[in-house]
Amino acid sequence: MINLVYLNGSYHAADSANISVLDRGFLFGDGVYEVIPVYNGMLFRLQEHLARLKASLEAVEIPNPHADNEWADIFAQLVDNNCTRGDAVLYLQVTRGIMEKRNHAYSRDMQPSVLAMCWLHEYRSPGQEVQGIRAITQEDTRWANCYIKSTNLLPNVMLKQKAIDEGATESILIRDGYAIEGSSSNLFIVKNDIVRTPPKSRYMLGGITRDLILELGVKNKIVIQEKDISEDELHDADEIWMTSSTQEIMPVTTLNQHKVGKGKIGPVWKRMTGLYQDYKQNFMRP
């Protein structure tokens, strides 16, 4: 339950916080956002998330309303108030702001609107048993600037819901014959013990978890290639993983009603998720 939010310079009870009907985020989805894991009361890879926020803001010409230390202070108060009993998710949204009347064109001197809130979230624990998920493939119907973490997520919502309606957890998006990412996650495959993930491009959102997996691979001598993945290679993979800040590393064991590899969680995933959990535990140590 969310009991406190930060909104435009002050803190409010969640049920009494209000935005203007003329906020461009409400009318146009004209804004960007970040989702930051909170482990043991500590914001995970905060600087990486803030760097991505800055890149998204610059791409859509919204001025960054706070310096990094100011963001950290805002987040700390929310975590201390809402999320001291366990791990959590912190959500941050910056929109272009409030206009006098609805108009597609915007003024570059608008004051951005800022919303931040925190809620408890159960992450995977070391040694916790994991079930593989089901995924489906769908045509990528999103816009051509997916590297921007935009609040305008209607295509992602529809693609995710299609997966849920078909009894799956995630949709893997196909563009021009190549697998790009999930509707709310990044994509990895394993073939012959080699891990592959599509390279960053304007058609995908570079994930913080994705980048950490690349770092862990280099450090632990796991071969990981940033290379395009054809739809045929996706279906022929020994393992498929979907990664995100809130879901960490999810193994896919069924794709379009067919087994992935042997239909079981693979050994490379087990090694990588172990390294990821070790990294988390080291991060949480005082």
C-alpha atoms as a PDB file:
ATOM      1  CA  MET A   1       0.000   0.000   0.000  1.00  0.00           C
ATOM      2  CA  ILE A   2       1.243   3.495  -0.865  1.00  0.00           C
ATOM      3  CA  ASN A   3       0.609   5.988   1.927  1.00  0.00           C
ATOM      4  CA  LEU A   4       2.888   8.871   0.914  1.00  0.00           C
ATOM      5  CA  VAL A   5       3.850  10.411  -2.428  1.00  0.00           C
ATOM      6  CA  TYR A   6       6.098  13.265  -3.468  1.00  0.00           C
ATOM      7  CA  LEU A   7       4.359  15.653  -5.856  1.00  0.00           C
ATOM      8  CA  ASN A   8       5.809  18.917  -7.150  1.00  0.00           C
ATOM      9  CA  GLY A   9       7.870  19.906  -4.158  1.00  0.00           C
ATOM     10  CA  SER A  10       5.919  18.505  -1.229  1.00  0.00           C
ATOM     11  CA  TYR A  11       4.782  15.228   0.307  1.00  0.00           C
ATOM     12  CA  HIS A  12       1.125  14.178   0.402  1.00  0.00           C
ATOM     13  CA  ALA A  13      -1.001  11.289   1.532  1.00  0.00           C
ATOM     14  CA  ALA A  14      -1.490   9.116  -1.539  1.00  0.00           C
ATOM     15  CA  ASP A  15      -5.295   9.410  -1.428  1.00  0.00           C
ATOM     16  CA  SER A  16      -5.188  13.219  -1.351  1.00  0.00           C
ATOM     17  CA  ALA A  17      -2.492  13.940  -3.964  1.00  0.00           C
ATOM     18  CA  ASN A  18      -3.935  15.505  -7.106  1.00  0.00           C
ATOM     19  CA  ILE A  19      -2.655  16.530 -10.518  1.00  0.00           C
ATOM     20  CA  SER A  20      -4.129  19.114 -12.862  1.00  0.00           C
ATOM     21  CA  VAL A  21      -6.353  17.927 -15.707  1.00  0.00           C
ATOM     22  CA  LEU A  22      -4.176  20.173 -17.901  1.00  0.00           C
ATOM     23  CA  ASP A  23      -0.950  18.319 -17.072  1.00  0.00           C
ATOM     24  CA  ARG A  24       0.549  17.121 -20.355  1.00  0.00           C
ATOM     25  CA  GLY A  25       1.387  13.776 -18.798  1.00  0.00           C
ATOM     26  CA  PHE A  26      -2.326  13.191 -18.226  1.00  0.00           C
ATOM     27  CA  LEU A  27      -3.444  14.496 -21.629  1.00  0.00           C
ATOM     28  CA  PHE A  28      -0.633  13.271 -23.900  1.00  0.00           C
ATOM     29  CA  GLY A  29       1.535  10.839 -21.971  1.00  0.00           C
ATOM     30  CA  ASP A  30       4.141  13.583 -22.371  1.00  0.00           C
ATOM     31  CA  GLY A  31       6.701  12.496 -19.811  1.00  0.00           C
ATOM     32  CA  VAL A  32       9.310   9.951 -18.788  1.00  0.00           C
ATOM     33  CA  TYR A  33       9.754   7.637 -15.810  1.00  0.00           C
ATOM     34  CA  GLU A  34      12.108   5.366 -13.909  1.00  0.00           C
ATOM     35  CA  VAL A  35      11.580   2.292 -11.723  1.00  0.00           C
ATOM     36  CA  ILE A  36      14.289   1.688  -9.121  1.00  0.00           C
ATOM     37  CA  PRO A  37      14.614  -1.448  -6.965  1.00  0.00           C
ATOM     38  CA  VAL A  38      15.030  -0.872  -3.236  1.00  0.00           C
ATOM     39  CA  TYR A  39      16.894  -3.644  -1.406  1.00  0.00           C
ATOM     40  CA  ASN A  40      17.090  -3.502   2.372  1.00  0.00           C
ATOM     41  CA  GLY A  41      16.158   0.184   2.248  1.00  0.00           C
ATOM     42  CA  MET A  42      18.883   1.033  -0.292  1.00  0.00           C
ATOM     43  CA  LEU A  43      18.294   2.250  -3.850  1.00  0.00           C
ATOM     44  CA  PHE A  44      19.913  -0.212  -6.261  1.00  0.00           C
ATOM     45  CA  ARG A  45      22.247   1.268  -8.913  1.00  0.00           C
ATOM     46  CA  LEU A  46      20.808   4.711  -8.345  1.00  0.00           C
ATOM     47  CA  GLN A  47      23.364   6.548 -10.465  1.00  0.00           C
ATOM     48  CA  GLU A  48      22.664   4.323 -13.460  1.00  0.00           C
ATOM     49  CA  HIS A  49      18.925   4.986 -13.139  1.00  0.00           C
ATOM     50  CA  LEU A  50      19.480   8.729 -12.823  1.00  0.00           C
ATOM     51  CA  ALA A  51      21.741   8.695 -15.883  1.00  0.00           C
ATOM     52  CA  ARG A  52      19.017   6.987 -17.914  1.00  0.00           C
ATOM     53  CA  LEU A  53      16.471   9.490 -16.587  1.00  0.00           C
ATOM     54  CA  LYS A  54      18.675  12.361 -17.769  1.00  0.00           C
ATOM     55  CA  ALA A  55      19.022  10.772 -21.214  1.00  0.00           C
ATOM     56  CA  SER A  56      15.246  10.362 -21.556  1.00  0.00           C
ATOM     57  CA  LEU A  57      14.599  13.917 -20.405  1.00  0.00           C
ATOM     58  CA  GLU A  58      17.130  15.310 -22.872  1.00  0.00           C
ATOM     59  CA  ALA A  59      15.634  13.270 -25.715  1.00  0.00           C
ATOM     60  CA  VAL A  60      12.169  14.787 -25.182  1.00  0.00           C
ATOM     61  CA  GLU A  61      13.421  18.282 -24.271  1.00  0.00           C
ATOM     62  CA  ILE A  62      12.151  18.304 -20.681  1.00  0.00           C
ATOM     63  CA  PRO A  63      14.570  20.070 -18.297  1.00  0.00           C
ATOM     64  CA  ASN A  64      15.796  17.935 -15.407  1.00  0.00           C
ATOM     65  CA  PRO A  65      14.117  19.524 -12.369  1.00  0.00           C
ATOM     66  CA  HIS A  66      16.629  18.236  -9.781  1.00  0.00           C
ATOM     67  CA  ALA A  67      20.302  17.548  -9.303  1.00  0.00           C
ATOM     68  CA  ASP A  68      21.305  13.993  -8.378  1.00  0.00           C
ATOM     69  CA  ASN A  69      21.662  14.794  -4.677  1.00  0.00           C
ATOM     70  CA  GLU A  70      18.199  16.397  -4.641  1.00  0.00           C
ATOM     71  CA  TRP A  71      16.666  13.304  -6.235  1.00  0.00           C
ATOM     72  CA  ALA A  72      18.424  11.156  -3.625  1.00  0.00           C
ATOM     73  CA  ASP A  73      16.978  13.262  -0.789  1.00  0.00           C
ATOM     74  CA  ILE A  74      13.448  12.996  -2.195  1.00  0.00           C
ATOM     75  CA  PHE A  75      13.759   9.236  -2.586  1.00  0.00           C
ATOM     76  CA  ALA A  76      15.238   8.756   0.894  1.00  0.00           C
ATOM     77  CA  GLN A  77      12.214  10.336   2.568  1.00  0.00           C
ATOM     78  CA  LEU A  78       9.829   8.114   0.622  1.00  0.00           C
ATOM     79  CA  VAL A  79      11.794   4.965   1.419  1.00  0.00           C
ATOM     80  CA  ASP A  80      12.063   5.875   5.105  1.00  0.00           C
ATOM     81  CA  ASN A  81       8.326   6.534   5.333  1.00  0.00           C
ATOM     82  CA  ASN A  82       6.824   3.828   3.124  1.00  0.00           C
ATOM     83  CA  CYS A  83       9.306   1.045   2.689  1.00  0.00           C
ATOM     84  CA  THR A  84      11.257   0.261   5.847  1.00  0.00           C
ATOM     85  CA  ARG A  85       9.671  -3.157   6.459  1.00  0.00           C
ATOM     86  CA  GLY A  86      11.217  -4.897   3.460  1.00  0.00           C
ATOM     87  CA  ASP A  87      12.335  -4.518  -0.124  1.00  0.00           C
ATOM     88  CA  ALA A  88      10.464  -2.154  -2.382  1.00  0.00           C
ATOM     89  CA  VAL A  89      10.040  -0.388  -5.723  1.00  0.00           C
ATOM     90  CA  LEU A  90      10.501   3.341  -6.156  1.00  0.00           C
ATOM     91  CA  TYR A  91       8.636   4.920  -9.081  1.00  0.00           C
ATOM     92  CA  LEU A  92       9.578   8.334 -10.475  1.00  0.00           C
ATOM     93  CA  GLN A  93       7.737  10.258 -13.199  1.00  0.00           C
ATOM     94  CA  VAL A  94       8.536  13.639 -14.768  1.00  0.00           C
ATOM     95  CA  THR A  95       6.065  15.213 -17.181  1.00  0.00           C
ATOM     96  CA  ARG A  96       6.432  18.359 -19.247  1.00  0.00           C
ATOM     97  CA  GLY A  97       4.044  20.166 -16.917  1.00  0.00           C
ATOM     98  CA  ILE A  98       0.754  22.058 -16.938  1.00  0.00           C
ATOM     99  CA  MET A  99      -0.442  24.164 -19.868  1.00  0.00           C
ATOM    100  CA  GLU A 100      -3.171  26.803 -20.106  1.00  0.00           C
ATOM    101  CA  LYS A 101      -5.220  24.822 -22.633  1.00  0.00           C
ATOM    102  CA  ARG A 102      -4.869  21.540 -24.498  1.00  0.00           C
ATOM    103  CA  ASN A 103      -2.454  21.964 -27.379  1.00  0.00           C
ATOM    104  CA  HIS A 104      -0.144  19.463 -29.066  1.00  0.00           C
ATOM    105  CA  ALA A 105       2.641  22.063 -29.300  1.00  0.00           C
ATOM    106  CA  TYR A 106       4.533  22.820 -26.118  1.00  0.00           C
ATOM    107  CA  SER A 107       6.442  25.729 -24.668  1.00  0.00           C
ATOM    108  CA  ARG A 108      10.072  25.144 -23.702  1.00  0.00           C
ATOM    109  CA  ASP A 109       9.749  27.248 -20.554  1.00  0.00           C
ATOM    110  CA  MET A 110       7.168  24.998 -18.874  1.00  0.00           C
ATOM    111  CA  GLN A 111       7.772  23.835 -15.306  1.00  0.00           C
ATOM    112  CA  PRO A 112       7.995  20.026 -15.185  1.00  0.00           C
ATOM    113  CA  SER A 113       5.660  18.067 -12.912  1.00  0.00           C
ATOM    114  CA  VAL A 114       7.345  15.508 -10.645  1.00  0.00           C
ATOM    115  CA  LEU A 115       5.755  12.480  -8.999  1.00  0.00           C
ATOM    116  CA  ALA A 116       7.587   9.884  -6.904  1.00  0.00           C
ATOM    117  CA  MET A 117       6.256   7.054  -4.757  1.00  0.00           C
ATOM    118  CA  CYS A 118       7.431   3.845  -3.141  1.00  0.00           C
ATOM    119  CA  TRP A 119       5.766   0.521  -2.365  1.00  0.00           C
ATOM    120  CA  LEU A 120       6.807  -2.837  -0.941  1.00  0.00           C
ATOM    121  CA  HIS A 121       7.797  -5.526  -3.417  1.00  0.00           C
ATOM    122  CA  GLU A 122       8.899  -9.126  -2.951  1.00  0.00           C
ATOM    123  CA  TYR A 123      12.065  -9.901  -4.887  1.00  0.00           C
ATOM    124  CA  ARG A 124      13.628 -13.280  -5.409  1.00  0.00           C
ATOM    125  CA  SER A 125      15.691 -14.549  -2.482  1.00  0.00           C
ATOM    126  CA  PRO A 126      18.956 -16.503  -2.854  1.00  0.00           C
ATOM    127  CA  GLY A 127      18.157 -20.167  -3.252  1.00  0.00           C
ATOM    128  CA  GLN A 128      14.443 -19.534  -3.806  1.00  0.00           C
ATOM    129  CA  GLU A 129      12.877 -22.031  -6.204  1.00  0.00           C
ATOM    130  CA  VAL A 130      11.902 -20.423  -9.504  1.00  0.00           C
ATOM    131  CA  GLN A 131       9.323 -21.557 -12.045  1.00  0.00           C
ATOM    132  CA  GLY A 132       9.954 -20.902 -15.714  1.00  0.00           C
ATOM    133  CA  ILE A 133       7.485 -18.594 -17.414  1.00  0.00           C
ATOM    134  CA  ARG A 134       5.560 -18.781 -20.666  1.00  0.00           C
ATOM    135  CA  ALA A 135       6.053 -16.220 -23.400  1.00  0.00           C
ATOM    136  CA  ILE A 136       4.581 -15.544 -26.829  1.00  0.00           C
ATOM    137  CA  THR A 137       5.954 -13.672 -29.832  1.00  0.00           C
ATOM    138  CA  GLN A 138       4.174 -10.646 -31.278  1.00  0.00           C
ATOM    139  CA  GLU A 139       4.877  -8.043 -33.917  1.00  0.00           C
ATOM    140  CA  ASP A 140       6.500  -4.971 -32.378  1.00  0.00           C
ATOM    141  CA  THR A 141       3.854  -2.259 -32.817  1.00  0.00           C
ATOM    142  CA  ARG A 142       5.598   0.417 -30.723  1.00  0.00           C
ATOM    143  CA  TRP A 143       7.065   3.675 -31.996  1.00  0.00           C
ATOM    144  CA  ALA A 144      10.621   4.054 -33.287  1.00  0.00           C
ATOM    145  CA  ASN A 145      12.092   5.749 -30.202  1.00  0.00           C
ATOM    146  CA  CYS A 146      11.861   2.968 -27.642  1.00  0.00           C
ATOM    147  CA  TYR A 147      15.194   4.006 -26.097  1.00  0.00           C
ATOM    148  CA  ILE A 148      13.235   6.794 -24.366  1.00  0.00           C
ATOM    149  CA  LYS A 149      11.595   5.556 -21.161  1.00  0.00           C
ATOM    150  CA  SER A 150       8.339   7.310 -21.975  1.00  0.00           C
ATOM    151  CA  THR A 151       5.169   7.211 -19.890  1.00  0.00           C
ATOM    152  CA  ASN A 152       3.240   6.743 -23.144  1.00  0.00           C
ATOM    153  CA  LEU A 153       3.019   2.967 -22.804  1.00  0.00           C
ATOM    154  CA  LEU A 154      -0.256   2.048 -24.520  1.00  0.00           C
ATOM    155  CA  PRO A 155       1.384  -0.256 -27.123  1.00  0.00           C
ATOM    156  CA  ASN A 156       3.321  -2.026 -24.339  1.00  0.00           C
ATOM    157  CA  VAL A 157       0.131  -2.379 -22.307  1.00  0.00           C
ATOM    158  CA  MET A 158      -1.724  -3.991 -25.204  1.00  0.00           C
ATOM    159  CA  LEU A 159       1.175  -6.326 -26.018  1.00  0.00           C
ATOM    160  CA  LYS A 160       1.478  -7.380 -22.369  1.00  0.00           C
ATOM    161  CA  GLN A 161      -2.268  -7.941 -22.046  1.00  0.00           C
ATOM    162  CA  LYS A 162      -2.291 -10.147 -25.152  1.00  0.00           C
ATOM    163  CA  ALA A 163       0.273 -12.371 -23.452  1.00  0.00           C
ATOM    164  CA  ILE A 164      -1.770 -12.518 -20.241  1.00  0.00           C
ATOM    165  CA  ASP A 165      -4.942 -13.330 -22.170  1.00  0.00           C
ATOM    166  CA  GLU A 166      -3.141 -16.270 -23.790  1.00  0.00           C
ATOM    167  CA  GLY A 167      -1.953 -17.640 -20.449  1.00  0.00           C
ATOM    168  CA  ALA A 168       1.597 -16.313 -20.799  1.00  0.00           C
ATOM    169  CA  THR A 169       3.622 -13.836 -18.745  1.00  0.00           C
ATOM    170  CA  GLU A 170       5.428 -11.825 -21.403  1.00  0.00           C
ATOM    171  CA  SER A 171       5.431 -10.983 -25.108  1.00  0.00           C
ATOM    172  CA  ILE A 172       8.704 -11.087 -27.029  1.00  0.00           C
ATOM    173  CA  LEU A 173       8.540  -8.437 -29.725  1.00  0.00           C
ATOM    174  CA  ILE A 174       9.559  -9.115 -33.320  1.00  0.00           C
ATOM    175  CA  ARG A 175      10.559  -6.301 -35.686  1.00  0.00           C
ATOM    176  CA  ASP A 176      11.601  -7.027 -39.282  1.00  0.00           C
ATOM    177  CA  GLY A 177      12.309 -10.664 -38.448  1.00  0.00           C
ATOM    178  CA  TYR A 178      14.408  -9.980 -35.336  1.00  0.00           C
ATOM    179  CA  ALA A 179      13.585 -10.390 -31.647  1.00  0.00           C
ATOM    180  CA  ILE A 180      14.053  -7.049 -29.887  1.00  0.00           C
ATOM    181  CA  GLU A 181      12.895  -7.259 -26.254  1.00  0.00           C
ATOM    182  CA  GLY A 182       9.796  -7.958 -24.171  1.00  0.00           C
ATOM    183  CA  SER A 183       6.824  -5.677 -23.631  1.00  0.00           C
ATOM    184  CA  SER A 184       8.331  -4.751 -20.237  1.00  0.00           C
ATOM    185  CA  SER A 185      11.709  -6.503 -20.213  1.00  0.00           C
ATOM    186  CA  ASN A 186      14.974  -7.078 -22.072  1.00  0.00           C
ATOM    187  CA  LEU A 187      15.832 -10.294 -23.876  1.00  0.00           C
ATOM    188  CA  PHE A 188      18.693 -12.797 -23.600  1.00  0.00           C
ATOM    189  CA  ILE A 189      19.095 -16.182 -25.240  1.00  0.00           C
ATOM    190  CA  VAL A 190      21.627 -18.977 -24.719  1.00  0.00           C
ATOM    191  CA  LYS A 191      22.860 -21.287 -27.466  1.00  0.00           C
ATOM    192  CA  ASN A 192      25.724 -23.731 -26.924  1.00  0.00           C
ATOM    193  CA  ASP A 193      26.607 -21.951 -23.645  1.00  0.00           C
ATOM    194  CA  ILE A 194      26.989 -18.581 -25.403  1.00  0.00           C
ATOM    195  CA  VAL A 195      24.706 -15.819 -24.115  1.00  0.00           C
ATOM    196  CA  ARG A 196      23.349 -13.264 -26.567  1.00  0.00           C
ATOM    197  CA  THR A 197      21.311 -10.095 -26.225  1.00  0.00           C
ATOM    198  CA  PRO A 198      20.311  -7.604 -28.935  1.00  0.00           C
ATOM    199  CA  PRO A 199      22.560  -4.520 -29.089  1.00  0.00           C
ATOM    200  CA  LYS A 200      21.144  -1.230 -27.909  1.00  0.00           C
ATOM    201  CA  SER A 201      19.286   0.703 -30.573  1.00  0.00           C
ATOM    202  CA  ARG A 202      16.459   3.191 -30.909  1.00  0.00           C
ATOM    203  CA  TYR A 203      14.042   0.232 -30.997  1.00  0.00           C
ATOM    204  CA  MET A 204      14.779  -1.006 -27.478  1.00  0.00           C
ATOM    205  CA  LEU A 205      15.092   0.374 -23.968  1.00  0.00           C
ATOM    206  CA  GLY A 206      18.508  -0.318 -22.500  1.00  0.00           C
ATOM    207  CA  GLY A 207      17.803  -1.911 -19.134  1.00  0.00           C
ATOM    208  CA  ILE A 208      19.808  -1.369 -15.948  1.00  0.00           C
ATOM    209  CA  THR A 209      19.478  -5.091 -15.161  1.00  0.00           C
ATOM    210  CA  ARG A 210      20.580  -5.921 -18.704  1.00  0.00           C
ATOM    211  CA  ASP A 211      23.717  -3.836 -18.273  1.00  0.00           C
ATOM    212  CA  LEU A 212      24.518  -5.477 -14.938  1.00  0.00           C
ATOM    213  CA  ILE A 213      24.252  -8.929 -16.525  1.00  0.00           C
ATOM    214  CA  LEU A 214      26.778  -7.854 -19.157  1.00  0.00           C
ATOM    215  CA  GLU A 215      29.116  -6.655 -16.384  1.00  0.00           C
ATOM    216  CA  LEU A 216      28.746  -9.906 -14.451  1.00  0.00           C
ATOM    217  CA  GLY A 217      29.384 -11.922 -17.596  1.00  0.00           C
ATOM    218  CA  VAL A 218      32.684 -10.159 -18.299  1.00  0.00           C
ATOM    219  CA  LYS A 219      33.789 -10.402 -14.668  1.00  0.00           C
ATOM    220  CA  ASN A 220      32.995 -14.129 -14.447  1.00  0.00           C
ATOM    221  CA  LYS A 221      34.200 -15.192 -17.905  1.00  0.00           C
ATOM    222  CA  ILE A 222      30.739 -15.970 -19.260  1.00  0.00           C
ATOM    223  CA  VAL A 223      30.671 -15.369 -23.005  1.00  0.00           C
ATOM    224  CA  ILE A 224      27.990 -12.762 -23.769  1.00  0.00           C
ATOM    225  CA  GLN A 225      27.530 -11.277 -27.228  1.00  0.00           C
ATOM    226  CA  GLU A 226      25.588  -8.133 -28.078  1.00  0.00           C
ATOM    227  CA  LYS A 227      24.267  -9.331 -31.400  1.00  0.00           C
ATOM    228  CA  ASP A 228      20.966  -9.327 -33.278  1.00  0.00           C
ATOM    229  CA  ILE A 229      18.729 -12.350 -32.636  1.00  0.00           C
ATOM    230  CA  SER A 230      16.629 -13.576 -35.550  1.00  0.00           C
ATOM    231  CA  GLU A 231      13.194 -15.035 -34.898  1.00  0.00           C
ATOM    232  CA  ASP A 232      14.512 -18.440 -36.005  1.00  0.00           C
ATOM    233  CA  GLU A 233      17.402 -18.195 -33.532  1.00  0.00           C
ATOM    234  CA  LEU A 234      14.968 -17.271 -30.786  1.00  0.00           C
ATOM    235  CA  HIS A 235      12.933 -20.423 -31.397  1.00  0.00           C
ATOM    236  CA  ASP A 236      16.103 -22.531 -31.580  1.00  0.00           C
ATOM    237  CA  ALA A 237      17.584 -21.219 -28.312  1.00  0.00           C
ATOM    238  CA  ASP A 238      18.635 -23.550 -25.503  1.00  0.00           C
ATOM    239  CA  GLU A 239      17.547 -20.928 -22.946  1.00  0.00           C
ATOM    240  CA  ILE A 240      15.611 -17.652 -23.035  1.00  0.00           C
ATOM    241  CA  TRP A 241      15.697 -15.027 -20.272  1.00  0.00           C
ATOM    242  CA  MET A 242      13.666 -11.849 -19.760  1.00  0.00           C
ATOM    243  CA  THR A 243      15.193  -9.218 -17.475  1.00  0.00           C
ATOM    244  CA  SER A 244      13.897  -6.139 -15.678  1.00  0.00           C
ATOM    245  CA  SER A 245      14.453  -4.175 -12.472  1.00  0.00           C
ATOM    246  CA  THR A 246      11.422  -5.635 -10.709  1.00  0.00           C
ATOM    247  CA  GLN A 247      11.540  -9.197 -12.094  1.00  0.00           C
ATOM    248  CA  GLU A 248      15.341  -9.518 -12.209  1.00  0.00           C
ATOM    249  CA  ILE A 249      16.156 -12.521 -14.466  1.00  0.00           C
ATOM    250  CA  MET A 250      13.151 -14.609 -15.534  1.00  0.00           C
ATOM    251  CA  PRO A 251      13.741 -17.920 -17.354  1.00  0.00           C
ATOM    252  CA  VAL A 252      11.331 -18.669 -20.212  1.00  0.00           C
ATOM    253  CA  THR A 253      10.633 -22.386 -20.539  1.00  0.00           C
ATOM    254  CA  THR A 254       7.700 -22.234 -22.987  1.00  0.00           C
ATOM    255  CA  LEU A 255       7.498 -20.074 -26.112  1.00  0.00           C
ATOM    256  CA  ASN A 256       4.345 -20.097 -28.247  1.00  0.00           C
ATOM    257  CA  GLN A 257       3.234 -23.343 -26.563  1.00  0.00           C
ATOM    258  CA  HIS A 258       6.548 -25.056 -27.408  1.00  0.00           C
ATOM    259  CA  LYS A 259       9.348 -26.019 -25.030  1.00  0.00           C
ATOM    260  CA  VAL A 260      12.421 -23.826 -24.875  1.00  0.00           C
ATOM    261  CA  GLY A 261      15.372 -26.219 -25.026  1.00  0.00           C
ATOM    262  CA  LYS A 262      14.402 -29.125 -22.794  1.00  0.00           C
ATOM    263  CA  GLY A 263      11.512 -27.184 -21.293  1.00  0.00           C
ATOM    264  CA  LYS A 264      13.390 -26.724 -18.014  1.00  0.00           C
ATOM    265  CA  ILE A 265      15.381 -23.941 -16.402  1.00  0.00           C
ATOM    266  CA  GLY A 266      18.856 -24.047 -17.930  1.00  0.00           C
ATOM    267  CA  PRO A 267      22.307 -24.264 -16.320  1.00  0.00           C
ATOM    268  CA  VAL A 268      23.559 -20.929 -17.660  1.00  0.00           C
ATOM    269  CA  TRP A 269      20.541 -19.155 -16.148  1.00  0.00           C
ATOM    270  CA  LYS A 270      21.237 -20.870 -12.828  1.00  0.00           C
ATOM    271  CA  ARG A 271      24.818 -19.639 -12.845  1.00  0.00           C
ATOM    272  CA  MET A 272      23.916 -16.095 -13.877  1.00  0.00           C
ATOM    273  CA  THR A 273      21.066 -15.703 -11.401  1.00  0.00           C
ATOM    274  CA  GLY A 274      23.388 -16.964  -8.667  1.00  0.00           C
ATOM    275  CA  LEU A 275      25.920 -14.281  -9.585  1.00  0.00           C
ATOM    276  CA  TYR A 276      23.157 -11.683  -9.636  1.00  0.00           C
ATOM    277  CA  GLN A 277      21.920 -12.680  -6.189  1.00  0.00           C
ATOM    278  CA  ASP A 278      25.481 -12.608  -4.841  1.00  0.00           C
ATOM    279  CA  TYR A 279      25.890  -9.095  -6.241  1.00  0.00           C
ATOM    280  CA  LYS A 280      22.688  -8.047  -4.491  1.00  0.00           C
ATOM    281  CA  GLN A 281      23.776  -9.512  -1.176  1.00  0.00           C
ATOM    282  CA  ASN A 282      27.125  -7.703  -1.384  1.00  0.00           C
ATOM    283  CA  PHE A 283      25.309  -4.468  -2.206  1.00  0.00           C
ATOM    284  CA  MET A 284      23.099  -4.819   0.878  1.00  0.00           C
ATOM    285  CA  ARG A 285      25.982  -5.434   3.281  1.00  0.00           C
ATOM    286  CA  PRO A 286      26.725  -2.398   5.489  1.00  0.00           C
END
